[in-house]
Protein backbone atom coordinates (compact mmCIF):
# COMPACT_ATOMS: atom_id res chain seq x y z
CA MET A 1 32.56 -69.75 14.28
CA ALA A 2 32.41 -65.89 14.16
CA ALA A 3 31.49 -66.08 10.61
CA ARG A 4 28.86 -68.64 10.98
CA ALA A 5 27.22 -66.88 13.62
CA HIS A 6 27.16 -63.83 11.48
CA SER A 7 25.58 -65.78 8.69
CA LEU A 8 23.09 -67.23 11.39
CA SER A 9 21.78 -64.09 12.40
CA ARG A 10 21.61 -62.86 9.02
CA SER A 11 19.07 -65.62 7.90
CA GLY A 12 17.17 -65.30 10.85
CA ALA A 13 17.10 -61.42 10.06
CA VAL A 14 15.76 -62.26 6.65
CA ARG A 15 13.26 -64.46 7.87
CA VAL A 16 11.85 -62.24 10.63
CA LEU A 17 11.95 -59.23 7.92
CA GLY A 18 9.89 -61.59 5.34
CA ALA A 19 7.35 -62.41 7.91
CA LEU A 20 7.40 -58.73 8.86
CA THR A 21 6.75 -57.99 5.42
CA VAL A 22 4.14 -60.44 4.72
CA ALA A 23 2.19 -59.52 7.93
CA ALA A 24 2.22 -55.84 7.02
CA LEU A 25 0.89 -56.35 3.43
CA LEU A 26 -1.67 -59.06 4.14
CA PRO A 27 -4.35 -56.74 5.27
CA ALA A 28 -4.04 -54.82 2.32
CA ALA A 29 -4.31 -57.64 -0.06
CA ILE A 30 -7.36 -59.51 1.59
CA PRO A 31 -9.96 -56.62 2.17
CA PRO A 32 -12.63 -57.22 5.09
CA ALA A 33 -16.00 -58.57 3.56
CA GLN A 34 -17.62 -55.75 5.11
CA ALA A 35 -15.80 -53.27 3.10
CA ARG A 36 -16.91 -55.02 0.18
CA ILE A 37 -19.69 -53.00 -1.49
CA VAL A 38 -21.63 -52.43 -4.54
CA ALA A 39 -21.44 -48.97 -5.90
CA SER A 40 -24.73 -48.64 -7.26
CA CYS A 41 -26.45 -49.76 -3.71
CA ASP A 42 -25.73 -47.50 -1.29
CA SER A 43 -27.25 -49.01 2.34
CA GLN A 44 -27.22 -46.11 3.85
CA ALA A 45 -29.16 -43.68 1.55
CA MET A 46 -31.60 -46.32 0.51
CA PRO A 47 -34.65 -48.01 2.19
CA ALA A 48 -33.72 -51.95 3.18
CA ARG A 49 -36.36 -53.39 0.74
CA ALA A 50 -34.81 -51.13 -1.93
CA TYR A 51 -31.29 -51.98 -1.07
CA LEU A 52 -31.85 -55.56 -1.29
CA ASP A 53 -33.65 -55.06 -4.54
CA CYS A 54 -30.81 -53.09 -5.81
CA LEU A 55 -28.32 -55.92 -4.79
CA ASN A 56 -30.51 -58.64 -6.28
CA ARG A 57 -30.17 -56.95 -9.53
CA GLU A 58 -26.47 -56.56 -9.36
CA GLN A 59 -26.27 -60.24 -8.33
CA ALA A 60 -28.30 -61.45 -11.26
CA GLN A 61 -26.20 -59.24 -13.44
CA SER A 62 -23.23 -60.75 -11.93
CA GLU A 63 -24.39 -64.04 -12.85
CA ARG A 64 -24.93 -63.02 -16.35
CA ASP A 65 -21.38 -61.96 -16.64
CA LEU A 66 -19.94 -65.07 -15.34
CA ALA A 67 -22.03 -67.10 -17.69
CA GLY A 68 -20.65 -64.87 -20.47
CA ALA A 69 -17.00 -65.23 -19.08
CA LEU A 70 -17.13 -68.73 -19.06
CA ALA A 71 -18.73 -69.20 -22.47
CA GLY A 72 -15.85 -66.68 -23.74
CA ALA A 73 -13.57 -69.13 -22.25
CA GLU A 74 -14.96 -72.04 -24.15
CA ALA A 75 -14.90 -70.15 -27.36
CA SER A 76 -11.10 -69.79 -26.72
CA ILE A 77 -10.61 -73.35 -26.23
CA LYS A 78 -12.76 -74.23 -29.38
CA ALA A 79 -11.03 -72.05 -31.38
CA LEU A 80 -7.23 -73.71 -30.32
CA GLY A 81 -6.28 -75.40 -34.01
CA ASP A 82 -2.98 -76.75 -32.46
CA LEU A 83 -5.33 -79.09 -30.29
CA GLN A 84 -6.97 -82.35 -31.32
CA PRO A 85 -10.93 -82.04 -31.08
CA ALA A 86 -10.87 -84.94 -28.20
CA GLN A 87 -8.36 -82.57 -26.30
CA ARG A 88 -10.29 -79.59 -26.94
CA ARG A 89 -13.70 -81.22 -25.32
CA ARG A 90 -11.66 -82.61 -22.56
CA TRP A 91 -10.31 -78.98 -21.37
CA ILE A 92 -13.71 -77.88 -21.69
CA ASP A 93 -15.28 -80.62 -19.86
CA LEU A 94 -12.65 -80.11 -16.89
CA LEU A 95 -13.16 -76.40 -17.17
CA THR A 96 -17.34 -77.00 -16.74
CA GLU A 97 -15.87 -79.12 -13.83
CA ALA A 98 -13.85 -76.76 -12.20
CA GLN A 99 -16.77 -73.70 -12.71
CA GLY A 100 -19.14 -76.33 -10.93
CA ARG A 101 -16.73 -76.69 -8.08
CA PHE A 102 -16.33 -73.03 -8.09
CA VAL A 103 -20.33 -72.50 -7.64
CA ASN A 104 -20.34 -74.95 -4.81
CA TRP A 105 -17.78 -73.42 -2.83
CA ARG A 106 -18.88 -70.01 -3.56
CA ASN A 107 -22.54 -70.82 -2.46
CA PHE A 108 -21.12 -72.40 0.81
CA GLU A 109 -18.85 -69.40 1.55
CA CYS A 110 -21.47 -66.86 1.00
CA GLN A 111 -24.21 -68.71 2.60
CA SER A 112 -22.40 -69.72 5.52
CA ILE A 113 -19.33 -67.64 6.23
CA ALA A 114 -20.17 -63.96 4.79
CA PRO A 115 -22.92 -63.29 7.26
CA TYR A 116 -20.69 -63.43 10.10
CA GLU A 117 -18.34 -61.04 8.55
CA GLY A 118 -20.93 -58.35 8.02
CA ARG A 119 -21.74 -55.90 10.89
CA ASP A 120 -25.40 -55.62 9.77
CA GLY A 121 -26.75 -58.98 11.07
CA THR A 122 -28.79 -59.25 14.08
CA HIS A 123 -28.40 -61.96 16.51
CA SER A 124 -31.83 -63.59 17.31
CA VAL A 125 -32.67 -66.03 20.31
CA GLY A 126 -30.17 -68.76 20.40
CA GLY A 127 -27.50 -66.67 19.06
CA ARG A 128 -28.50 -67.16 15.01
CA LEU A 129 -28.01 -64.45 12.78
CA GLY A 130 -30.67 -62.75 11.05
CA GLY A 131 -32.12 -59.59 9.54
CA SER A 132 -31.75 -58.33 6.37
CA GLY A 133 -28.23 -57.34 6.67
CA VAL A 134 -27.40 -60.86 6.62
CA ILE A 135 -29.19 -61.16 3.07
CA GLY A 136 -27.32 -58.37 1.98
CA GLN A 137 -23.70 -59.48 3.13
CA ARG A 138 -24.74 -62.86 1.31
CA LEU A 139 -25.66 -61.21 -1.85
CA ILE A 140 -22.33 -58.54 -1.80
CA CYS A 141 -20.44 -62.09 -1.22
CA LEU A 142 -22.24 -63.65 -4.34
CA ILE A 143 -21.28 -60.53 -6.68
CA SER A 144 -17.80 -60.34 -5.27
CA HIS A 145 -17.00 -63.72 -6.10
CA ASN A 146 -18.74 -63.88 -9.22
CA GLN A 147 -16.86 -60.77 -10.31
CA SER A 148 -13.78 -61.90 -9.50
CA ARG A 149 -14.31 -65.16 -11.25
CA ALA A 150 -15.43 -63.56 -14.52
CA ALA A 151 -12.37 -61.12 -14.33
CA ASP A 152 -10.46 -64.27 -13.91
CA LEU A 153 -11.76 -66.08 -17.03
CA ALA A 154 -11.73 -63.23 -18.99
CA LEU A 155 -7.89 -62.59 -17.86
CA ARG A 156 -6.88 -66.28 -18.87
CA TYR A 157 -9.02 -66.88 -21.99
CA SER A 158 -9.33 -64.37 -24.61
CA PRO A 159 -12.12 -65.30 -27.01
CA PRO A 160 -11.34 -65.19 -30.50
CA ALA A 161 -11.61 -62.22 -32.98
CA GLY A 162 -15.25 -61.43 -33.88
CA TRP A 163 -16.90 -63.52 -30.99
CA THR A 164 -20.05 -62.28 -29.61
CA PRO A 165 -21.67 -63.50 -26.14
CA PRO A 166 -24.62 -65.50 -26.89
CA PRO A 167 -27.77 -63.69 -26.47
CA GLU A 168 -29.31 -63.32 -22.52
CA GLU A 169 -32.10 -65.62 -22.13
CA ALA A 170 -35.33 -64.10 -21.20
CA GLN A 171 -34.88 -62.72 -17.76
CA THR A 172 -36.98 -64.37 -14.59
CA PRO A 173 -37.35 -62.65 -11.43
CA ALA A 174 -33.54 -62.96 -9.53
CA LEU A 175 -33.71 -66.29 -7.11
CA GLN A 176 -31.61 -66.72 -4.08
CA PRO A 177 -28.52 -69.03 -4.89
CA GLY A 178 -29.65 -72.51 -4.00
CA VAL A 179 -33.60 -71.85 -4.53
CA ALA A 180 -34.96 -74.05 -7.16
CA ASP A 181 -36.55 -72.39 -9.95
CA ARG A 182 -40.39 -73.00 -9.37
CA SER A 183 -41.48 -71.24 -12.75
CA SER A 184 -42.59 -74.60 -14.13
CA THR A 185 -44.97 -75.02 -11.53
CA PRO A 186 -48.43 -73.95 -11.64
CA GLY A 187 -49.50 -70.96 -9.55
CA PRO A 188 -47.71 -67.68 -8.80
CA SER A 189 -44.13 -67.45 -8.46
CA VAL A 190 -42.70 -67.33 -4.98
CA ARG A 191 -39.67 -64.73 -3.90
CA ILE A 192 -38.32 -66.39 -0.79
CA ILE A 193 -36.45 -63.90 1.45
CA ASP A 194 -35.33 -64.55 4.72
CA LEU A 195 -36.38 -61.87 7.35
CA SER A 196 -35.49 -63.70 10.13
CA PRO A 197 -36.20 -61.47 13.59
């Protein structure tokens, strides 16, 4: 009986030790959203307008980097000679679907959750968050997720030797994610920025 009590206490101690280890490492593994920074954009050293413009440029670049990583992944799959053409097409279709699901999740996360994680948003009447801090937090969220996804794709899919990314298309002014491109409509282009009081 004493041996059994010893083994129970030992396994219980292992469980407790494991739980404590996870609890100790978790904060280091998941940095708080407000700690996410974009090195080239400093909210303390720049006026609010310049800071948001900087984040917009960084966000647009992260979108281009992500598109390049996805193109590289597709080139990697196309270069696999040991798969039938139908298998390669299916794999690319599934990767494209996964990317679409990532974009939907990322957009929801950054639009709905990220503003609450930052400290720069201001509360307006009714408790709504607003102000330039909310926009900045959304952009930082988009940049962070785009960079993580691009790095993940680059790690998992190495393009074939000699592959070059497709040329960047003519750049249009950065749009907020989820805002339709109105460049085909007559009239001046509209830049939508939420500056709710």
